[in-house]
Amino acid sequence: MIKTLTQSLRARLIAGYILLTLVAWVGASIAAWHQTSKTLNKLFDTQQVLFAKRLSALELDGVQGDAQLPRTKTMISNHRGKQDDDTLAFAIYTADGKLLLNDGDNGRNLIWRYQRDGFTDGKLAGDDDMWRMVWVTTPDGKYRIVVGQEWEYREDLALDIVLSQITPWLIALPLILLLLVWLVSRALAPLHKLANQLRTRKPDDDRELPTQTLPQEVRPLVIALNQLFSRTGELMQRERRFTSDAAHELRSPLAALKVQAEVAQLAQHDEPVRDHALNNLSAGIDRATRLVDQLLTLSRLDSLASLDDVQEVAFQLLLQNAVMDAWHEALRAGIDIRLDVQDPSVKRQGQPLLLSLMVRNLLDNAIRYSPRGCVVDVVLQSHEITITDNGPGVSPEFLTSLGERFFRPPGQEKTGSGLGLSIVRRIASLHGMQALFMNTSSGGFEVRIRW
């Protein structure tokens, strides 16, 4: 139960508010009591001095020794109001300490302890309570006047004043707490609604959650969730597309492999037929392997939103290595590759492996689809890489479709998957480049990578 309460935001807010309220209430009460006591002490000290001054103006020469005024209770037997005997007491002494006159109540118990004029603390005769006393000498120097007031009276009065201020807040506190619970519950209602929406949400639902009615503090969390849903939806779409593409494109190669395997099994005693079927089987496996590799490569490229391990790439060295890697394949196909570096200082931030893959795919396409005896020119300029062959080119109506997944212009004799130029275009886009496909004026095919 305790663990549940500590994990509840609502319970923590309410408990925190109650704790802060109690701390503030106690602190304010103590501060109010001290301030009230300080103010009352100033007021009563002034009152005592003024009362002593009035007593000093009396004509005391005709007063007989040890005289006292009538007790308050005998003077006002009924309807005496809220007066207190401890409010003020006074006594008048001669200069040598003989009691001359007192108020008839507590004044007769004031003890002669004169040391100097001014305030001092002391006790009454037969009483342990502390009193605040002020001593004043009459102008003629004949009499000493002492006016006293009990400290407990001042403290009780200060406490009564503070309690009268705080009691209404204590009465209103339950109502405030009920209002707080309602306000916190209302403020957290959007979170409960959001939790219910997430609880009933389908796994493949990538719609954005509404943010218009959410509090400002919760809105960044929901925006982040929407971004997560968007990325997850894109990932699921890529996976579905990859699965669909793989199932569609591998169906024909696998069926052909099965046919060639059956032919090889049936031609056990016909060596030429068996060898031909095995050769076709091997070539089919190579094509299927290449197709799977390209599908996986394109799937990984689609999942990239930005590039990691970016570094400065020297394009001259990149093209030289790519041409050397494709050289032997070009020789077997009867193709000549020429590299023309017009600006050897070209460098660009990028991922070397992806850039090498892009150039290798372009050279592989040029070698694969060019007839024997053709020349492939690779030219490096300041802001462009151009790869041109002098083959038959591509029909103009199909140029705009190049780079689409699995698109291969009609009439191709060479096998392929139609993914090579898609990979080229995706890598170029990740590096902030543009891939352009076009025919040359002499009839060949040209690819330009610009930045």
Protein backbone atom coordinates (compact mmCIF):
# COMPACT_ATOMS: atom_id res chain seq x y z
CA MET A 1 0.00 0.00 0.00
CA ILE A 2 2.80 2.42 0.96
CA LYS A 3 4.71 1.57 -2.22
CA THR A 4 1.60 2.25 -4.31
CA LEU A 5 1.12 5.62 -2.66
CA THR A 6 4.75 6.64 -3.22
CA GLN A 7 4.47 5.68 -6.88
CA SER A 8 1.23 7.63 -7.37
CA LEU A 9 1.75 11.15 -8.68
CA ARG A 10 -1.65 12.17 -7.36
CA ALA A 11 -0.90 10.88 -3.85
CA ARG A 12 2.53 12.50 -3.84
CA LEU A 13 1.13 15.87 -4.90
CA ILE A 14 -1.56 15.79 -2.22
CA ALA A 15 0.83 14.57 0.49
CA GLY A 16 3.41 17.16 -0.53
CA TYR A 17 0.83 19.93 -0.40
CA ILE A 18 -0.39 18.84 3.04
CA LEU A 19 3.18 18.67 4.34
CA LEU A 20 4.03 22.10 2.92
CA THR A 21 0.80 23.52 4.36
CA LEU A 22 1.55 22.15 7.82
CA VAL A 23 5.15 23.38 7.72
CA ALA A 24 4.04 26.81 6.51
CA TRP A 25 1.27 26.93 9.11
CA VAL A 26 3.60 26.02 11.98
CA GLY A 27 6.28 28.44 10.76
CA ALA A 28 3.74 31.24 10.33
CA SER A 29 2.28 30.55 13.77
CA ILE A 30 5.67 30.73 15.48
CA ALA A 31 6.59 33.90 13.57
CA ALA A 32 3.19 35.46 14.37
CA TRP A 33 3.53 34.57 18.05
CA HIS A 34 6.99 36.14 18.29
CA GLN A 35 5.92 39.25 16.39
CA THR A 36 2.74 39.63 18.44
CA SER A 37 4.64 39.18 21.70
CA LYS A 38 7.18 41.78 20.62
CA THR A 39 4.44 44.25 19.70
CA LEU A 40 2.48 43.65 22.91
CA ASN A 41 5.59 44.07 25.03
CA LYS A 42 6.22 47.46 23.43
CA LEU A 43 2.60 48.45 23.99
CA PHE A 44 2.43 47.31 27.63
CA ASP A 45 5.85 48.74 28.47
CA THR A 46 4.63 52.10 27.19
CA GLN A 47 1.40 51.69 29.14
CA GLN A 48 3.31 50.97 32.35
CA VAL A 49 5.54 54.02 31.92
CA LEU A 50 2.59 56.31 31.22
CA PHE A 51 0.72 54.93 34.27
CA ALA A 52 3.79 55.48 36.45
CA LYS A 53 4.07 59.07 35.16
CA ARG A 54 0.44 59.73 36.08
CA LEU A 55 1.03 58.34 39.56
CA SER A 56 4.07 60.56 39.98
CA ALA A 57 1.89 63.63 39.39
CA LEU A 58 -0.29 62.81 42.44
CA GLU A 59 -0.07 64.89 45.62
CA LEU A 60 1.29 62.32 48.07
CA ASP A 61 2.37 64.45 51.04
CA GLY A 62 -0.94 63.99 52.87
CA VAL A 63 -1.09 60.21 52.36
CA GLN A 64 -0.66 58.13 55.49
CA GLY A 65 1.82 55.25 55.40
CA ASP A 66 0.77 51.80 54.15
CA ALA A 67 -2.47 53.05 52.63
CA GLN A 68 -4.19 51.14 49.86
CA LEU A 69 -7.01 51.64 47.43
CA PRO A 70 -10.17 49.56 47.66
CA ARG A 71 -10.03 46.18 45.97
CA THR A 72 -11.50 46.12 42.48
CA LYS A 73 -13.98 43.41 43.37
CA THR A 74 -15.42 45.47 46.24
CA MET A 75 -15.73 48.57 44.07
CA ILE A 76 -17.38 46.73 41.16
CA SER A 77 -19.07 43.63 42.49
CA ASN A 78 -21.06 42.93 39.32
CA HIS A 79 -20.67 43.56 35.62
CA ARG A 80 -16.90 43.91 35.96
CA GLY A 81 -16.37 42.93 32.28
CA LYS A 82 -13.22 41.03 31.33
CA GLN A 83 -10.82 42.94 33.56
CA ASP A 84 -7.96 40.98 35.11
CA ASP A 85 -6.20 41.67 38.40
CA ASP A 86 -2.88 40.82 36.74
CA THR A 87 -3.24 43.52 34.11
CA LEU A 88 -1.53 46.20 36.20
CA ALA A 89 -0.43 46.57 39.83
CA PHE A 90 1.32 49.49 41.46
CA ALA A 91 2.89 50.52 44.73
CA ILE A 92 4.36 53.82 45.95
CA TYR A 93 7.28 53.81 48.37
CA THR A 94 9.13 56.52 50.17
CA ALA A 95 12.72 57.09 49.18
CA ASP A 96 13.89 54.87 52.05
CA GLY A 97 11.65 51.93 51.03
CA LYS A 98 8.57 52.30 53.21
CA LEU A 99 5.31 51.34 51.47
CA LEU A 100 3.12 54.40 51.17
CA LEU A 101 0.26 53.38 48.84
CA ASN A 102 -0.79 50.40 46.67
CA ASP A 103 -3.69 49.49 44.40
CA GLY A 104 -5.32 47.15 46.89
CA ASP A 105 -5.02 44.06 44.69
CA ASN A 106 -1.54 42.78 43.83
CA GLY A 107 0.23 46.03 44.63
CA ARG A 108 0.58 45.14 48.33
CA ASN A 109 2.68 42.12 47.30
CA LEU A 110 5.18 44.15 45.24
CA ILE A 111 8.56 43.87 46.97
CA TRP A 112 10.89 46.79 47.41
CA ARG A 113 13.89 46.06 45.18
CA TYR A 114 14.75 49.45 43.85
CA GLN A 115 18.18 49.71 42.22
CA ARG A 116 17.56 52.28 39.48
CA ASP A 117 14.75 53.78 37.48
CA GLY A 118 13.64 51.65 34.54
CA PHE A 119 12.44 48.13 33.75
CA THR A 120 13.32 44.99 35.64
CA ASP A 121 11.87 41.50 36.20
CA GLY A 122 10.92 40.08 39.57
CA LYS A 123 8.40 38.13 41.63
CA LEU A 124 5.66 39.07 44.05
CA ALA A 125 5.72 38.05 47.64
CA GLY A 126 4.47 34.48 47.96
CA ASP A 127 4.21 33.99 44.16
CA ASP A 128 6.52 32.18 41.74
CA ASP A 129 5.24 33.88 38.57
CA MET A 130 7.55 36.41 36.91
CA TRP A 131 6.41 40.00 36.63
CA ARG A 132 7.53 42.89 34.44
CA MET A 133 8.19 45.97 36.60
CA VAL A 134 9.10 49.58 35.94
CA TRP A 135 10.50 51.88 38.65
CA VAL A 136 10.05 55.68 38.47
CA THR A 137 11.15 58.42 40.96
CA THR A 138 8.90 61.44 41.47
CA PRO A 139 10.34 64.78 40.35
CA ASP A 140 10.94 65.90 43.97
CA GLY A 141 12.86 62.67 44.72
CA LYS A 142 10.72 61.78 47.74
CA TYR A 143 8.88 58.75 46.39
CA ARG A 144 9.55 55.62 44.30
CA ILE A 145 6.76 54.28 42.14
CA VAL A 146 6.71 50.70 40.83
CA VAL A 147 4.17 49.48 38.25
CA GLY A 148 4.10 45.75 37.54
CA GLN A 149 2.45 43.39 35.11
CA GLU A 150 2.57 39.57 35.04
CA TRP A 151 4.55 38.07 32.12
CA GLU A 152 2.06 35.23 31.82
CA TYR A 153 -0.70 37.76 31.15
CA ARG A 154 1.23 39.13 28.18
CA GLU A 155 2.03 35.64 26.85
CA ASP A 156 -1.58 34.48 27.16
CA LEU A 157 -2.79 37.59 25.35
CA ALA A 158 -0.28 37.07 22.53
CA LEU A 159 -1.34 33.42 22.24
CA ASP A 160 -5.02 34.39 22.14
CA ILE A 161 -4.37 36.87 19.34
CA VAL A 162 -2.38 34.32 17.27
CA LEU A 163 -5.01 31.61 17.81
CA SER A 164 -7.76 33.97 16.76
CA GLN A 165 -5.91 34.51 13.49
CA ILE A 166 -5.04 30.86 12.81
CA THR A 167 -8.26 29.14 13.92
CA PRO A 168 -10.24 30.18 10.81
CA TRP A 169 -7.51 28.63 8.64
CA LEU A 170 -7.75 25.39 10.61
CA ILE A 171 -11.49 25.32 10.03
CA ALA A 172 -11.03 26.03 6.31
CA LEU A 173 -8.19 23.49 5.88
CA PRO A 174 -10.42 20.41 5.25
CA LEU A 175 -12.32 22.34 2.58
CA ILE A 176 -9.02 23.42 1.00
CA LEU A 177 -7.78 19.82 1.00
CA LEU A 178 -10.98 18.58 -0.66
CA LEU A 179 -10.62 21.30 -3.28
CA LEU A 180 -6.98 20.31 -3.76
CA VAL A 181 -7.91 16.65 -4.35
CA TRP A 182 -10.45 17.74 -6.94
CA LEU A 183 -8.02 20.07 -8.69
CA VAL A 184 -5.21 17.47 -8.79
CA SER A 185 -7.61 14.81 -10.08
CA ARG A 186 -8.86 17.19 -12.75
CA ALA A 187 -5.32 18.19 -13.74
CA LEU A 188 -4.26 14.52 -14.05
CA ALA A 189 -7.38 13.51 -15.99
CA PRO A 190 -5.62 13.99 -19.39
CA LEU A 191 -2.93 11.53 -18.25
CA HIS A 192 -5.55 8.91 -17.38
CA LYS A 193 -7.24 9.49 -20.72
CA LEU A 194 -3.90 9.15 -22.49
CA ALA A 195 -3.18 5.92 -20.61
CA ASN A 196 -6.55 4.49 -21.68
CA GLN A 197 -5.85 5.43 -25.30
CA LEU A 198 -2.48 3.71 -25.18
CA ARG A 199 -3.95 0.67 -23.41
CA THR A 200 -6.58 0.12 -26.11
CA ARG A 201 -4.29 1.06 -29.02
CA LYS A 202 -3.66 -1.62 -31.64
CA PRO A 203 -0.04 -2.64 -32.29
CA ASP A 204 -0.13 -1.50 -35.93
CA ASP A 205 -1.88 1.82 -35.21
CA ASP A 206 0.57 4.62 -36.07
CA ARG A 207 -1.89 7.52 -35.84
CA GLU A 208 -0.77 10.53 -33.82
CA LEU A 209 -2.24 11.15 -30.39
CA PRO A 210 -4.07 14.51 -30.07
CA THR A 211 -2.10 17.19 -28.21
CA GLN A 212 -4.44 20.20 -28.32
CA THR A 213 -6.14 19.60 -24.95
CA LEU A 214 -3.07 18.39 -23.07
CA PRO A 215 -1.31 20.46 -20.39
CA GLN A 216 1.88 22.16 -21.47
CA GLU A 217 3.99 19.91 -19.20
CA VAL A 218 2.59 16.70 -20.75
CA ARG A 219 2.61 17.84 -24.38
CA PRO A 220 6.38 17.20 -25.00
CA LEU A 221 5.91 13.59 -23.81
CA VAL A 222 3.00 13.01 -26.20
CA ILE A 223 4.88 14.67 -29.07
CA ALA A 224 7.81 12.32 -28.41
CA LEU A 225 5.38 9.38 -28.37
CA ASN A 226 3.93 10.51 -31.71
CA GLN A 227 7.43 10.68 -33.16
CA LEU A 228 8.10 7.18 -31.84
CA PHE A 229 4.85 5.92 -33.40
CA SER A 230 5.84 7.53 -36.70
CA ARG A 231 9.27 5.89 -36.68
CA THR A 232 7.78 2.56 -35.65
CA GLY A 233 5.18 2.83 -38.41
CA GLU A 234 7.87 3.55 -40.98
CA LEU A 235 9.88 0.61 -39.72
CA MET A 236 6.88 -1.71 -39.95
CA GLN A 237 6.12 -0.43 -43.46
CA ARG A 238 9.72 -1.11 -44.49
CA GLU A 239 9.53 -4.60 -43.04
CA ARG A 240 6.22 -5.30 -44.80
CA ARG A 241 7.61 -3.89 -48.03
CA PHE A 242 10.78 -5.95 -47.70
CA THR A 243 8.77 -9.11 -47.00
CA SER A 244 6.46 -8.41 -49.92
CA ASP A 245 9.33 -7.59 -52.27
CA ALA A 246 11.33 -10.64 -51.23
CA ALA A 247 8.33 -12.95 -51.59
CA HIS A 248 7.49 -11.51 -55.01
CA GLU A 249 11.00 -11.37 -56.47
CA LEU A 250 12.30 -14.64 -55.09
CA ARG A 251 9.32 -16.65 -56.28
CA SER A 252 10.50 -16.86 -59.92
CA PRO A 253 14.23 -17.52 -59.21
CA LEU A 254 13.39 -20.24 -56.70
CA ALA A 255 10.94 -21.86 -59.11
CA ALA A 256 13.65 -21.83 -61.82
CA LEU A 257 16.16 -23.36 -59.39
CA LYS A 258 13.68 -26.12 -58.59
CA VAL A 259 13.19 -26.84 -62.30
CA GLN A 260 16.93 -26.99 -62.97
CA ALA A 261 17.41 -29.29 -59.97
CA GLU A 262 14.69 -31.62 -61.27
CA VAL A 263 16.28 -31.60 -64.76
CA ALA A 264 19.66 -32.50 -63.25
CA GLN A 265 18.08 -35.36 -61.32
CA LEU A 266 16.26 -36.70 -64.38
CA ALA A 267 19.36 -36.48 -66.61
CA GLN A 268 21.55 -38.75 -64.50
CA HIS A 269 22.88 -40.68 -67.51
CA ASP A 270 22.86 -37.73 -69.98
CA GLU A 271 26.02 -35.91 -68.97
CA PRO A 272 25.66 -32.88 -71.33
CA VAL A 273 22.08 -32.20 -70.18
CA ARG A 274 23.02 -32.71 -66.53
CA ASP A 275 26.00 -30.38 -66.78
CA HIS A 276 23.90 -27.75 -68.53
CA ALA A 277 21.23 -27.98 -65.81
CA LEU A 278 23.87 -27.78 -63.06
CA ASN A 279 25.42 -24.73 -64.71
CA ASN A 280 22.00 -23.08 -64.91
CA LEU A 281 21.40 -24.06 -61.27
CA SER A 282 24.67 -22.44 -60.20
CA ALA A 283 23.89 -19.28 -62.19
CA GLY A 284 20.40 -19.17 -60.68
CA ILE A 285 21.82 -19.48 -57.17
CA ASP A 286 24.18 -16.59 -57.92
CA ARG A 287 21.29 -14.46 -59.16
CA ALA A 288 19.16 -15.31 -56.11
CA THR A 289 22.09 -14.55 -53.80
CA ARG A 290 22.65 -11.19 -55.50
CA LEU A 291 18.94 -10.40 -55.26
CA VAL A 292 18.85 -11.19 -51.53
CA ASP A 293 21.98 -9.12 -50.94
CA GLN A 294 20.49 -6.15 -52.76
CA LEU A 295 17.18 -6.48 -50.92
CA LEU A 296 18.95 -6.53 -47.57
CA THR A 297 21.16 -3.60 -48.57
CA LEU A 298 18.19 -1.52 -49.68
CA SER A 299 16.29 -2.41 -46.49
CA ARG A 300 19.22 -1.26 -44.34
CA LEU A 301 19.51 1.96 -46.35
CA ASP A 302 15.80 2.66 -45.92
CA SER A 303 16.13 2.36 -42.15
CA LEU A 304 18.82 5.06 -42.02
CA ALA A 305 17.64 8.56 -41.15
CA SER A 306 21.19 9.89 -41.00
CA LEU A 307 24.74 8.63 -41.44
CA ASP A 308 27.05 7.36 -38.73
CA ASP A 309 30.87 7.22 -38.80
CA VAL A 310 31.01 10.09 -41.27
CA GLN A 311 34.53 11.09 -42.34
CA GLU A 312 36.28 12.97 -45.10
CA VAL A 313 36.45 10.88 -48.28
CA ALA A 314 38.92 11.55 -51.10
CA PHE A 315 36.96 10.84 -54.28
CA GLN A 316 40.03 10.22 -56.44
CA LEU A 317 41.14 7.30 -54.27
CA LEU A 318 37.53 6.08 -54.00
CA LEU A 319 37.09 5.93 -57.79
CA GLN A 320 40.49 4.34 -58.33
CA ASN A 321 39.71 1.51 -55.93
CA ALA A 322 36.24 0.99 -57.45
CA VAL A 323 37.69 0.82 -61.00
CA MET A 324 40.36 -1.66 -59.88
CA ASP A 325 37.72 -3.87 -58.24
CA ALA A 326 35.60 -3.89 -61.43
CA TRP A 327 38.54 -4.25 -63.82
CA HIS A 328 38.66 -8.06 -64.02
CA GLU A 329 34.89 -8.37 -64.49
CA ALA A 330 35.08 -5.76 -67.26
CA LEU A 331 37.87 -7.68 -68.99
CA ARG A 332 35.79 -10.87 -68.98
CA ALA A 333 32.86 -8.91 -70.48
CA GLY A 334 35.10 -7.23 -73.09
CA ILE A 335 34.51 -3.76 -71.59
CA ASP A 336 37.17 -1.05 -71.22
CA ILE A 337 37.02 1.28 -68.20
CA ARG A 338 38.72 4.68 -68.31
CA LEU A 339 39.15 6.97 -65.31
CA ASP A 340 39.58 10.72 -65.84
CA VAL A 341 40.30 12.72 -62.69
CA GLN A 342 39.90 16.37 -63.64
CA ASP A 343 39.96 17.63 -60.05
CA PRO A 344 42.08 15.37 -57.79
CA SER A 345 41.41 17.58 -54.72
CA VAL A 346 37.70 16.71 -54.44
CA LYS A 347 36.84 15.61 -50.91
CA ARG A 348 33.48 15.27 -49.18
CA GLN A 349 32.10 14.20 -45.82
CA GLY A 350 30.46 10.82 -46.09
CA GLN A 351 30.52 7.15 -45.22
CA PRO A 352 33.25 5.45 -47.32
CA LEU A 353 31.57 2.03 -47.48
CA LEU A 354 28.29 3.41 -48.80
CA LEU A 355 29.99 5.69 -51.33
CA SER A 356 32.08 2.75 -52.57
CA LEU A 357 28.90 0.66 -52.84
CA MET A 358 27.25 3.42 -54.90
CA VAL A 359 30.15 3.61 -57.38
CA ARG A 360 30.45 -0.20 -57.61
CA ASN A 361 26.74 -0.50 -58.44
CA LEU A 362 27.09 2.08 -61.23
CA LEU A 363 30.14 0.33 -62.70
CA ASP A 364 28.45 -3.06 -62.37
CA ASN A 365 25.38 -1.77 -64.25
CA ALA A 366 27.56 -0.25 -66.95
CA ILE A 367 29.53 -3.50 -67.40
CA ARG A 368 26.46 -5.76 -67.20
CA TYR A 369 24.28 -3.94 -69.73
CA SER A 370 26.90 -2.71 -72.22
CA PRO A 371 27.74 -4.89 -75.26
CA ARG A 372 31.27 -6.20 -75.77
CA GLY A 373 33.75 -3.66 -77.05
CA CYS A 374 32.12 -0.71 -75.26
CA VAL A 375 34.03 1.85 -73.22
CA VAL A 376 32.95 3.07 -69.81
CA ASP A 377 34.26 6.56 -68.93
CA VAL A 378 34.45 7.60 -65.27
CA VAL A 379 35.04 11.35 -64.88
CA LEU A 380 35.62 13.19 -61.59
CA GLN A 381 34.91 16.93 -61.58
CA SER A 382 34.68 19.48 -58.79
CA HIS A 383 30.97 18.91 -58.09
CA GLU A 384 30.10 15.86 -60.14
CA ILE A 385 30.93 12.25 -60.91
CA THR A 386 29.96 11.10 -64.41
CA ILE A 387 29.86 7.46 -65.54
CA THR A 388 29.15 7.10 -69.27
CA ASP A 389 29.05 4.12 -71.60
CA ASN A 390 28.69 4.05 -75.39
CA GLY A 391 26.11 1.29 -75.40
CA PRO A 392 22.55 1.44 -76.80
CA GLY A 393 21.21 3.57 -73.94
CA VAL A 394 17.64 3.44 -72.58
CA SER A 395 14.42 4.24 -74.38
CA PRO A 396 13.40 7.83 -73.51
CA GLU A 397 9.98 6.80 -72.20
CA PHE A 398 11.64 4.65 -69.54
CA LEU A 399 14.25 7.13 -68.32
CA THR A 400 11.96 8.66 -65.69
CA SER A 401 11.27 5.23 -64.17
CA LEU A 402 14.92 4.39 -63.62
CA GLY A 403 15.77 4.18 -59.94
CA GLU A 404 12.39 2.76 -58.97
CA ARG A 405 12.44 -0.54 -57.13
CA PHE A 406 12.50 -3.62 -59.36
CA PHE A 407 12.11 -1.58 -62.55
CA ARG A 408 14.01 -2.92 -65.53
CA PRO A 409 13.52 -1.49 -69.01
CA PRO A 410 11.90 -3.97 -71.41
CA GLY A 411 14.13 -5.87 -73.80
CA GLN A 412 17.01 -6.50 -71.38
CA GLU A 413 18.94 -9.64 -72.19
CA LYS A 414 20.99 -9.64 -69.02
CA THR A 415 19.48 -10.83 -65.79
CA GLY A 416 19.06 -8.41 -62.92
CA SER A 417 16.83 -7.41 -60.04
CA GLY A 418 16.17 -3.74 -60.85
CA LEU A 419 17.53 -2.66 -57.44
CA GLY A 420 21.01 -1.40 -58.36
CA LEU A 421 19.95 2.13 -59.35
CA SER A 422 17.53 2.28 -56.39
CA ILE A 423 20.49 1.66 -54.09
CA VAL A 424 22.50 4.33 -55.93
CA ARG A 425 19.73 6.91 -55.57
CA ARG A 426 19.22 6.16 -51.85
CA ILE A 427 22.96 6.42 -51.02
CA ALA A 428 23.20 9.68 -52.96
CA SER A 429 20.21 11.08 -51.07
CA LEU A 430 21.73 10.16 -47.69
CA HIS A 431 24.88 12.12 -48.67
CA GLY A 432 22.99 15.16 -49.92
CA MET A 433 23.69 14.29 -53.57
CA GLN A 434 21.49 14.01 -56.63
CA ALA A 435 21.51 11.03 -59.01
CA LEU A 436 20.57 11.82 -62.62
CA PHE A 437 20.01 9.19 -65.35
CA MET A 438 20.07 10.19 -69.01
CA ASN A 439 21.09 9.20 -72.54
CA THR A 440 24.06 10.83 -74.25
CA SER A 441 23.84 12.58 -77.56
CA SER A 442 25.88 9.75 -79.14
CA GLY A 443 23.39 7.14 -77.96
CA GLY A 444 25.03 5.83 -74.78
CA PHE A 445 23.80 5.92 -71.20
CA GLU A 446 25.09 8.37 -68.58
CA VAL A 447 24.74 8.66 -64.81
CA ARG A 448 25.64 11.90 -63.02
CA ILE A 449 26.12 12.18 -59.27
CA ARG A 450 25.99 15.87 -58.33
CA TRP A 451 26.45 17.77 -55.07
